[in-house]
Amino acid sequence: MGISRTSALKCVRSAAVAAAMAGVVSVAGPASTASAGASCNNGCSQTWNDSGTGFYALKNWCKSGGGNGSWTTKKPTCGPDQKRDYLYPGDRTKGTQDWDVFQVDGGFCYDVDFEVTPPWGNDFHKAFDRRGKSTIWVKVANSGFAKVRDVSSKHC
């Protein structure tokens, strides 16, 4: 019997928290190219690219309101403090930095698991089907992460 996506995400998150508390940071796979701005102490957002396709993460949501998985068709631009970085397959934004947004390219479907660390909770799965549609930008909640599982132009 396999492990569910939500259980797997909780196991990975628990291991990451334990490693950070021990002062050890270990990331499997290639080093992340994402490194924007100063570190945050609490409430960081993070995006993981577990798909076979690269995409962009953006540092700031630049909008009021919206929760985990909210999206906009207008690119979040906050002036000179807005940064973006390309996440290659296997990359993730640094957990000590706050990356609030990832880009869902038009013409593709992104299959994503979301999780927000306790006590807020609310883990869920969502597909962003932009086949035949324009690009959108998706919010990642504070103290949460988005794990992009698959990116496809053929299925959703």
N, C-alpha and C. Protein backbone atom coordinates (compact mmCIF):
# COMPACT_ATOMS: atom_id res chain seq x y z
N MET A 1 0.84 -1.17 0.00
CA MET A 1 0.00 0.00 0.00
C MET A 1 0.89 1.24 0.00
N GLY A 2 0.62 2.19 -0.89
CA GLY A 2 1.45 3.40 -1.00
C GLY A 2 1.04 4.46 -0.01
N ILE A 3 1.79 5.54 -0.02
CA ILE A 3 1.53 6.67 0.86
C ILE A 3 0.80 7.75 0.07
N SER A 4 -0.19 8.39 0.65
CA SER A 4 -0.95 9.42 -0.05
C SER A 4 -0.09 10.66 -0.26
N ARG A 5 -0.50 11.49 -1.23
CA ARG A 5 0.24 12.73 -1.49
C ARG A 5 0.29 13.61 -0.25
N THR A 6 -0.85 13.76 0.42
CA THR A 6 -0.89 14.62 1.60
C THR A 6 0.02 14.09 2.68
N SER A 7 0.00 12.77 2.91
CA SER A 7 0.88 12.18 3.92
C SER A 7 2.34 12.36 3.54
N ALA A 8 2.66 12.18 2.27
CA ALA A 8 4.03 12.35 1.81
C ALA A 8 4.48 13.79 2.02
N LEU A 9 3.60 14.75 1.72
CA LEU A 9 3.95 16.16 1.91
C LEU A 9 4.19 16.46 3.38
N LYS A 10 3.35 15.91 4.26
CA LYS A 10 3.52 16.14 5.69
C LYS A 10 4.83 15.54 6.19
N CYS A 11 5.20 14.36 5.67
CA CYS A 11 6.47 13.74 6.06
C CYS A 11 7.65 14.59 5.62
N VAL A 12 7.59 15.07 4.39
CA VAL A 12 8.67 15.91 3.86
C VAL A 12 8.76 17.20 4.67
N ARG A 13 7.60 17.84 4.95
CA ARG A 13 7.60 19.07 5.71
C ARG A 13 8.15 18.85 7.12
N SER A 14 7.75 17.77 7.76
CA SER A 14 8.23 17.48 9.11
C SER A 14 9.73 17.29 9.12
N ALA A 15 10.25 16.59 8.12
CA ALA A 15 11.70 16.39 8.03
C ALA A 15 12.42 17.72 7.82
N ALA A 16 11.85 18.59 6.98
CA ALA A 16 12.47 19.90 6.72
C ALA A 16 12.49 20.76 7.98
N VAL A 17 11.40 20.73 8.74
CA VAL A 17 11.35 21.51 9.97
C VAL A 17 12.37 20.98 10.97
N ALA A 18 12.47 19.66 11.09
CA ALA A 18 13.44 19.07 12.02
C ALA A 18 14.87 19.43 11.63
N ALA A 19 15.17 19.40 10.33
CA ALA A 19 16.52 19.74 9.87
C ALA A 19 16.83 21.21 10.15
N ALA A 20 15.86 22.09 9.91
CA ALA A 20 16.08 23.52 10.16
C ALA A 20 16.29 23.79 11.64
N MET A 21 15.53 23.11 12.48
CA MET A 21 15.69 23.30 13.92
C MET A 21 17.04 22.81 14.41
N ALA A 22 17.58 21.80 13.74
CA ALA A 22 18.88 21.27 14.12
C ALA A 22 20.01 22.11 13.53
N GLY A 23 19.66 23.09 12.70
CA GLY A 23 20.68 23.95 12.10
C GLY A 23 21.31 23.32 10.87
N VAL A 24 20.67 22.30 10.33
CA VAL A 24 21.21 21.61 9.17
C VAL A 24 20.21 21.76 8.04
N VAL A 25 20.69 22.19 6.89
CA VAL A 25 19.83 22.27 5.74
C VAL A 25 20.37 21.34 4.69
N SER A 26 19.54 20.41 4.26
CA SER A 26 19.95 19.43 3.27
C SER A 26 18.88 19.37 2.19
N VAL A 27 19.27 19.60 0.95
CA VAL A 27 18.33 19.57 -0.15
C VAL A 27 18.80 18.53 -1.16
N ALA A 28 17.95 17.57 -1.44
CA ALA A 28 18.28 16.56 -2.43
C ALA A 28 18.14 17.16 -3.81
N GLY A 29 18.97 16.72 -4.73
CA GLY A 29 18.88 17.21 -6.09
C GLY A 29 19.74 18.43 -6.31
N PRO A 30 19.56 19.08 -7.48
CA PRO A 30 20.40 20.23 -7.82
C PRO A 30 20.10 21.41 -6.92
N ALA A 31 21.11 22.23 -6.75
CA ALA A 31 20.96 23.44 -5.93
C ALA A 31 19.96 24.36 -6.60
N SER A 32 19.14 24.99 -5.81
CA SER A 32 18.13 25.90 -6.33
C SER A 32 18.77 27.16 -6.89
N THR A 33 18.19 27.65 -7.98
CA THR A 33 18.67 28.90 -8.54
C THR A 33 17.94 30.08 -7.91
N ALA A 34 16.91 29.80 -7.12
CA ALA A 34 16.12 30.87 -6.54
C ALA A 34 16.80 31.42 -5.29
N SER A 35 17.09 32.69 -5.31
CA SER A 35 17.69 33.31 -4.13
C SER A 35 17.46 34.81 -4.16
N ALA A 36 16.31 35.22 -3.74
CA ALA A 36 15.97 36.65 -3.80
C ALA A 36 15.84 37.24 -2.42
N GLY A 37 16.42 38.39 -2.22
CA GLY A 37 16.19 39.18 -1.03
C GLY A 37 16.70 38.59 0.26
N ALA A 38 16.38 39.28 1.33
CA ALA A 38 16.81 38.88 2.67
C ALA A 38 15.98 37.69 3.14
N SER A 39 16.51 37.00 4.14
CA SER A 39 15.80 35.84 4.66
C SER A 39 14.62 36.29 5.50
N CYS A 40 13.66 35.38 5.66
CA CYS A 40 12.52 35.67 6.54
C CYS A 40 12.57 34.70 7.71
N ASN A 41 12.08 35.14 8.83
CA ASN A 41 12.14 34.32 10.04
C ASN A 41 10.91 33.46 10.22
N ASN A 42 9.77 33.92 9.73
CA ASN A 42 8.54 33.21 9.97
C ASN A 42 7.58 33.49 8.81
N GLY A 43 6.84 32.50 8.39
CA GLY A 43 5.83 32.73 7.37
C GLY A 43 6.33 32.71 5.95
N CYS A 44 7.46 32.06 5.68
CA CYS A 44 7.98 31.99 4.32
C CYS A 44 7.09 31.14 3.43
N SER A 45 6.97 31.54 2.17
CA SER A 45 6.30 30.75 1.15
C SER A 45 7.38 30.05 0.34
N GLN A 46 7.06 28.86 -0.16
CA GLN A 46 8.04 28.11 -0.93
C GLN A 46 7.35 27.37 -2.06
N THR A 47 8.03 27.25 -3.21
CA THR A 47 7.52 26.49 -4.34
C THR A 47 8.54 25.42 -4.70
N TRP A 48 8.05 24.21 -4.92
CA TRP A 48 8.88 23.08 -5.33
C TRP A 48 8.52 22.70 -6.76
N ASN A 49 9.52 22.43 -7.57
CA ASN A 49 9.27 21.97 -8.93
C ASN A 49 9.60 20.49 -9.03
N ASP A 50 8.59 19.65 -8.86
CA ASP A 50 8.76 18.21 -9.02
C ASP A 50 8.24 17.73 -10.37
N SER A 51 8.09 18.66 -11.30
CA SER A 51 7.67 18.32 -12.66
C SER A 51 8.90 18.17 -13.54
N GLY A 52 8.69 17.84 -14.78
CA GLY A 52 9.78 17.73 -15.74
C GLY A 52 9.97 18.98 -16.56
N THR A 53 9.28 20.07 -16.19
CA THR A 53 9.30 21.32 -16.95
C THR A 53 9.62 22.49 -16.03
N GLY A 54 10.48 23.38 -16.47
CA GLY A 54 10.82 24.56 -15.68
C GLY A 54 9.75 25.63 -15.77
N PHE A 55 9.74 26.51 -14.79
CA PHE A 55 8.81 27.64 -14.75
C PHE A 55 9.37 28.70 -13.80
N TYR A 56 8.72 29.86 -13.76
CA TYR A 56 9.19 30.97 -12.93
C TYR A 56 8.47 31.05 -11.58
N ALA A 57 9.23 31.43 -10.57
CA ALA A 57 8.69 31.83 -9.26
C ALA A 57 8.94 33.32 -9.12
N LEU A 58 8.03 34.02 -8.46
CA LEU A 58 8.17 35.46 -8.22
C LEU A 58 8.18 35.71 -6.73
N LYS A 59 8.90 36.73 -6.33
CA LYS A 59 9.10 37.00 -4.92
C LYS A 59 7.84 37.54 -4.22
N ASN A 60 7.12 38.45 -4.83
CA ASN A 60 6.03 39.13 -4.13
C ASN A 60 4.69 39.00 -4.86
N TRP A 61 3.62 38.82 -4.08
CA TRP A 61 2.26 38.74 -4.62
C TRP A 61 1.79 40.11 -5.09
N CYS A 62 2.18 41.19 -4.41
CA CYS A 62 1.91 42.57 -4.82
C CYS A 62 0.43 42.91 -4.93
N LYS A 63 -0.41 42.17 -4.27
CA LYS A 63 -1.85 42.43 -4.28
C LYS A 63 -2.36 42.24 -2.86
N SER A 64 -3.42 42.91 -2.52
CA SER A 64 -4.02 42.65 -1.22
C SER A 64 -4.96 41.47 -1.34
N GLY A 65 -5.06 40.70 -0.27
CA GLY A 65 -5.98 39.57 -0.24
C GLY A 65 -5.50 38.38 -1.05
N GLY A 66 -6.35 37.38 -1.08
CA GLY A 66 -6.03 36.15 -1.79
C GLY A 66 -5.41 35.14 -0.85
N GLY A 67 -5.74 33.90 -1.05
CA GLY A 67 -5.21 32.82 -0.23
C GLY A 67 -4.41 31.85 -1.07
N ASN A 68 -4.00 30.77 -0.45
CA ASN A 68 -3.23 29.74 -1.12
C ASN A 68 -3.98 29.26 -2.36
N GLY A 69 -3.36 29.34 -3.51
CA GLY A 69 -3.97 28.90 -4.75
C GLY A 69 -4.76 29.96 -5.48
N SER A 70 -4.91 31.17 -4.90
CA SER A 70 -5.56 32.27 -5.62
C SER A 70 -4.70 32.61 -6.83
N TRP A 71 -5.31 33.14 -7.87
CA TRP A 71 -4.53 33.49 -9.05
C TRP A 71 -5.03 34.78 -9.69
N THR A 72 -4.15 35.32 -10.53
CA THR A 72 -4.46 36.56 -11.25
C THR A 72 -3.93 36.46 -12.68
N THR A 73 -4.60 37.15 -13.60
CA THR A 73 -4.12 37.21 -14.98
C THR A 73 -3.16 38.38 -15.19
N LYS A 74 -3.04 39.25 -14.18
CA LYS A 74 -2.13 40.39 -14.26
C LYS A 74 -0.85 40.07 -13.50
N LYS A 75 0.27 40.12 -14.19
CA LYS A 75 1.55 39.79 -13.57
C LYS A 75 1.81 40.68 -12.36
N PRO A 76 2.08 40.07 -11.20
CA PRO A 76 2.38 40.87 -10.01
C PRO A 76 3.70 41.62 -10.18
N THR A 77 3.64 42.92 -10.18
CA THR A 77 4.83 43.74 -10.33
C THR A 77 4.82 44.79 -9.24
N CYS A 78 5.86 44.75 -8.40
CA CYS A 78 5.93 45.66 -7.24
C CYS A 78 7.09 46.63 -7.36
N GLY A 79 7.50 46.94 -8.52
CA GLY A 79 8.63 47.84 -8.67
C GLY A 79 9.96 47.11 -8.55
N PRO A 80 10.98 47.82 -8.08
CA PRO A 80 12.33 47.25 -8.09
C PRO A 80 12.52 46.07 -7.14
N ASP A 81 11.63 45.90 -6.16
CA ASP A 81 11.78 44.79 -5.23
C ASP A 81 11.22 43.47 -5.77
N GLN A 82 10.50 43.53 -6.88
CA GLN A 82 9.94 42.29 -7.44
C GLN A 82 11.04 41.54 -8.18
N LYS A 83 11.26 40.32 -7.78
CA LYS A 83 12.27 39.48 -8.42
C LYS A 83 11.61 38.20 -8.88
N ARG A 84 12.20 37.59 -9.90
CA ARG A 84 11.72 36.29 -10.36
C ARG A 84 12.92 35.40 -10.58
N ASP A 85 12.68 34.11 -10.52
CA ASP A 85 13.75 33.16 -10.75
C ASP A 85 13.18 31.93 -11.41
N TYR A 86 13.97 31.33 -12.27
CA TYR A 86 13.54 30.16 -13.01
C TYR A 86 13.82 28.91 -12.18
N LEU A 87 12.80 28.09 -11.99
CA LEU A 87 12.96 26.83 -11.27
C LEU A 87 13.04 25.69 -12.27
N TYR A 88 14.22 25.12 -12.40
CA TYR A 88 14.40 23.96 -13.26
C TYR A 88 13.77 22.75 -12.59
N PRO A 89 13.50 21.67 -13.34
CA PRO A 89 12.98 20.46 -12.71
C PRO A 89 13.87 20.04 -11.55
N GLY A 90 13.25 19.77 -10.41
CA GLY A 90 13.98 19.38 -9.21
C GLY A 90 14.35 20.55 -8.31
N ASP A 91 14.25 21.78 -8.79
CA ASP A 91 14.55 22.97 -7.98
C ASP A 91 13.42 23.28 -7.01
N ARG A 92 13.75 24.08 -6.02
CA ARG A 92 12.76 24.65 -5.12
C ARG A 92 13.27 26.00 -4.66
N THR A 93 12.35 26.88 -4.33
CA THR A 93 12.79 28.15 -3.77
C THR A 93 13.32 27.88 -2.37
N LYS A 94 14.23 28.72 -1.92
CA LYS A 94 14.82 28.51 -0.60
C LYS A 94 13.80 28.72 0.50
N GLY A 95 13.79 27.80 1.47
CA GLY A 95 12.84 27.87 2.57
C GLY A 95 13.08 29.02 3.52
N THR A 96 14.25 29.65 3.43
CA THR A 96 14.57 30.78 4.31
C THR A 96 14.27 32.11 3.63
N GLN A 97 13.66 32.04 2.44
CA GLN A 97 13.28 33.24 1.71
C GLN A 97 11.80 33.15 1.36
N ASP A 98 11.16 34.28 1.20
CA ASP A 98 9.72 34.32 0.98
C ASP A 98 9.41 34.52 -0.49
N TRP A 99 9.01 33.43 -1.18
CA TRP A 99 8.63 33.46 -2.58
C TRP A 99 7.14 33.19 -2.65
N ASP A 100 6.34 34.21 -2.99
CA ASP A 100 4.89 34.17 -2.87
C ASP A 100 4.12 33.72 -4.09
N VAL A 101 4.76 33.57 -5.25
CA VAL A 101 4.03 33.37 -6.50
C VAL A 101 4.78 32.41 -7.41
N PHE A 102 4.04 31.61 -8.18
CA PHE A 102 4.64 30.90 -9.31
C PHE A 102 3.79 31.16 -10.54
N GLN A 103 4.43 31.10 -11.69
CA GLN A 103 3.80 31.41 -12.97
C GLN A 103 3.30 30.14 -13.64
N VAL A 104 2.04 30.14 -14.07
CA VAL A 104 1.45 29.04 -14.83
C VAL A 104 1.35 29.53 -16.27
N ASP A 105 2.18 28.99 -17.13
CA ASP A 105 2.22 29.45 -18.52
C ASP A 105 0.97 29.06 -19.29
N GLY A 106 0.51 30.00 -20.13
CA GLY A 106 -0.60 29.73 -21.01
C GLY A 106 -0.28 28.54 -21.91
N GLY A 107 -1.29 27.71 -22.20
CA GLY A 107 -1.11 26.55 -23.05
C GLY A 107 -0.77 25.27 -22.28
N PHE A 108 -0.66 25.37 -20.95
CA PHE A 108 -0.27 24.22 -20.14
C PHE A 108 -1.22 24.01 -18.97
N CYS A 109 -1.21 22.80 -18.43
CA CYS A 109 -1.92 22.47 -17.21
C CYS A 109 -0.87 22.15 -16.15
N TYR A 110 -0.98 22.80 -15.00
CA TYR A 110 -0.08 22.56 -13.87
C TYR A 110 -0.86 21.81 -12.79
N ASP A 111 -0.33 20.69 -12.35
CA ASP A 111 -0.91 19.85 -11.32
C ASP A 111 -0.16 20.14 -10.02
N VAL A 112 -0.84 20.70 -9.00
CA VAL A 112 -0.16 21.27 -7.83
C VAL A 112 -0.78 20.78 -6.52
N ASP A 113 0.08 20.44 -5.57
CA ASP A 113 -0.34 20.17 -4.19
C ASP A 113 0.03 21.39 -3.36
N PHE A 114 -0.90 21.84 -2.52
CA PHE A 114 -0.67 22.97 -1.62
C PHE A 114 -0.71 22.49 -0.18
N GLU A 115 0.11 23.09 0.66
CA GLU A 115 0.08 22.81 2.08
C GLU A 115 0.44 24.06 2.85
N VAL A 116 -0.25 24.28 3.96
CA VAL A 116 0.07 25.36 4.88
C VAL A 116 0.37 24.71 6.21
N THR A 117 1.51 25.08 6.82
CA THR A 117 1.94 24.45 8.06
C THR A 117 0.98 24.77 9.20
N PRO A 118 0.87 23.85 10.16
CA PRO A 118 -0.03 24.06 11.32
C PRO A 118 0.34 25.33 12.06
N PRO A 119 -0.56 25.95 12.76
CA PRO A 119 -1.89 25.44 13.08
C PRO A 119 -2.94 25.75 12.03
N TRP A 120 -2.56 26.38 10.91
CA TRP A 120 -3.54 26.81 9.91
C TRP A 120 -4.04 25.65 9.06
N GLY A 121 -3.18 24.70 8.72
CA GLY A 121 -3.59 23.53 7.96
C GLY A 121 -4.09 23.85 6.58
N ASN A 122 -5.06 23.09 6.11
CA ASN A 122 -5.70 23.27 4.81
C ASN A 122 -4.83 22.81 3.65
N ASP A 123 -4.52 21.53 3.59
CA ASP A 123 -3.80 20.93 2.48
C ASP A 123 -4.81 20.60 1.38
N PHE A 124 -4.43 20.86 0.13
CA PHE A 124 -5.33 20.51 -0.97
C PHE A 124 -4.55 20.37 -2.27
N HIS A 125 -5.24 19.83 -3.27
CA HIS A 125 -4.68 19.60 -4.60
C HIS A 125 -5.50 20.43 -5.59
N LYS A 126 -4.81 20.99 -6.59
CA LYS A 126 -5.52 21.79 -7.58
C LYS A 126 -4.81 21.69 -8.92
N ALA A 127 -5.61 21.64 -9.99
CA ALA A 127 -5.06 21.69 -11.35
C ALA A 127 -5.40 23.05 -11.94
N PHE A 128 -4.40 23.69 -12.53
CA PHE A 128 -4.59 24.98 -13.20
C PHE A 128 -4.51 24.71 -14.69
N ASP A 129 -5.68 24.59 -15.32
CA ASP A 129 -5.75 24.24 -16.74
C ASP A 129 -5.76 25.51 -17.58
N ARG A 130 -4.61 25.84 -18.15
CA ARG A 130 -4.48 27.04 -18.98
C ARG A 130 -4.28 26.67 -20.44
N ARG A 131 -4.67 25.44 -20.82
CA ARG A 131 -4.59 25.05 -22.23
C ARG A 131 -5.59 25.89 -23.00
N GLY A 132 -5.12 26.58 -24.03
CA GLY A 132 -5.97 27.47 -24.82
C GLY A 132 -6.27 28.79 -24.13
N LYS A 133 -5.56 29.07 -23.03
CA LYS A 133 -5.79 30.29 -22.27
C LYS A 133 -4.46 31.00 -22.02
N SER A 134 -4.55 32.19 -21.41
CA SER A 134 -3.36 32.99 -21.14
C SER A 134 -2.65 32.56 -19.85
N THR A 135 -1.47 33.10 -19.66
CA THR A 135 -0.66 32.86 -18.46
C THR A 135 -1.34 33.45 -17.23
N ILE A 136 -1.18 32.76 -16.08
CA ILE A 136 -1.65 33.28 -14.81
C ILE A 136 -0.52 33.19 -13.79
N TRP A 137 -0.70 33.90 -12.66
CA TRP A 137 0.25 33.86 -11.56
C TRP A 137 -0.52 33.42 -10.32
N VAL A 138 0.04 32.44 -9.60
CA VAL A 138 -0.64 31.78 -8.49
C VAL A 138 0.04 32.11 -7.17
N LYS A 139 -0.77 32.45 -6.18
CA LYS A 139 -0.27 32.80 -4.84
C LYS A 139 0.04 31.54 -4.03
N VAL A 140 1.15 31.62 -3.29
CA VAL A 140 1.52 30.60 -2.32
C VAL A 140 1.43 31.28 -0.95
N ALA A 141 0.64 30.70 -0.05
CA ALA A 141 0.37 31.33 1.24
C ALA A 141 1.60 31.42 2.12
N ASN A 142 1.60 32.40 3.01
CA ASN A 142 2.64 32.48 4.03
C ASN A 142 2.62 31.20 4.85
N SER A 143 3.78 30.72 5.24
CA SER A 143 3.94 29.47 5.98
C SER A 143 3.46 28.26 5.19
N GLY A 144 3.44 28.38 3.87
CA GLY A 144 2.97 27.27 3.05
C GLY A 144 3.88 27.01 1.88
N PHE A 145 3.56 25.93 1.18
CA PHE A 145 4.29 25.67 -0.04
C PHE A 145 3.38 25.06 -1.09
N ALA A 146 3.83 25.24 -2.33
CA ALA A 146 3.17 24.65 -3.48
C ALA A 146 4.16 23.68 -4.10
N LYS A 147 3.70 22.48 -4.35
CA LYS A 147 4.54 21.45 -4.97
C LYS A 147 3.95 21.16 -6.35
N VAL A 148 4.64 21.65 -7.40
CA VAL A 148 4.18 21.44 -8.75
C VAL A 148 4.59 20.03 -9.17
N ARG A 149 3.58 19.16 -9.34
CA ARG A 149 3.81 17.74 -9.63
C ARG A 149 3.99 17.45 -11.11
N ASP A 150 3.22 18.17 -11.95
CA ASP A 150 3.25 17.87 -13.37
C ASP A 150 2.89 19.13 -14.16
N VAL A 151 3.51 19.29 -15.32
CA VAL A 151 3.18 20.36 -16.25
C VAL A 151 3.00 19.69 -17.60
N SER A 152 1.84 19.89 -18.24
CA SER A 152 1.57 19.22 -19.50
C SER A 152 0.76 20.09 -20.43
N SER A 153 1.03 19.99 -21.71
CA SER A 153 0.21 20.67 -22.71
C SER A 153 -0.84 19.71 -23.28
N LYS A 154 -0.75 18.43 -22.91
CA LYS A 154 -1.63 17.39 -23.48
C LYS A 154 -2.76 16.96 -22.54
N HIS A 155 -2.52 16.94 -21.25
CA HIS A 155 -3.55 16.47 -20.31
C HIS A 155 -3.56 17.35 -19.06
N CYS A 156 -4.64 17.17 -18.30
CA CYS A 156 -4.77 17.92 -17.06
C CYS A 156 -5.28 17.00 -15.95
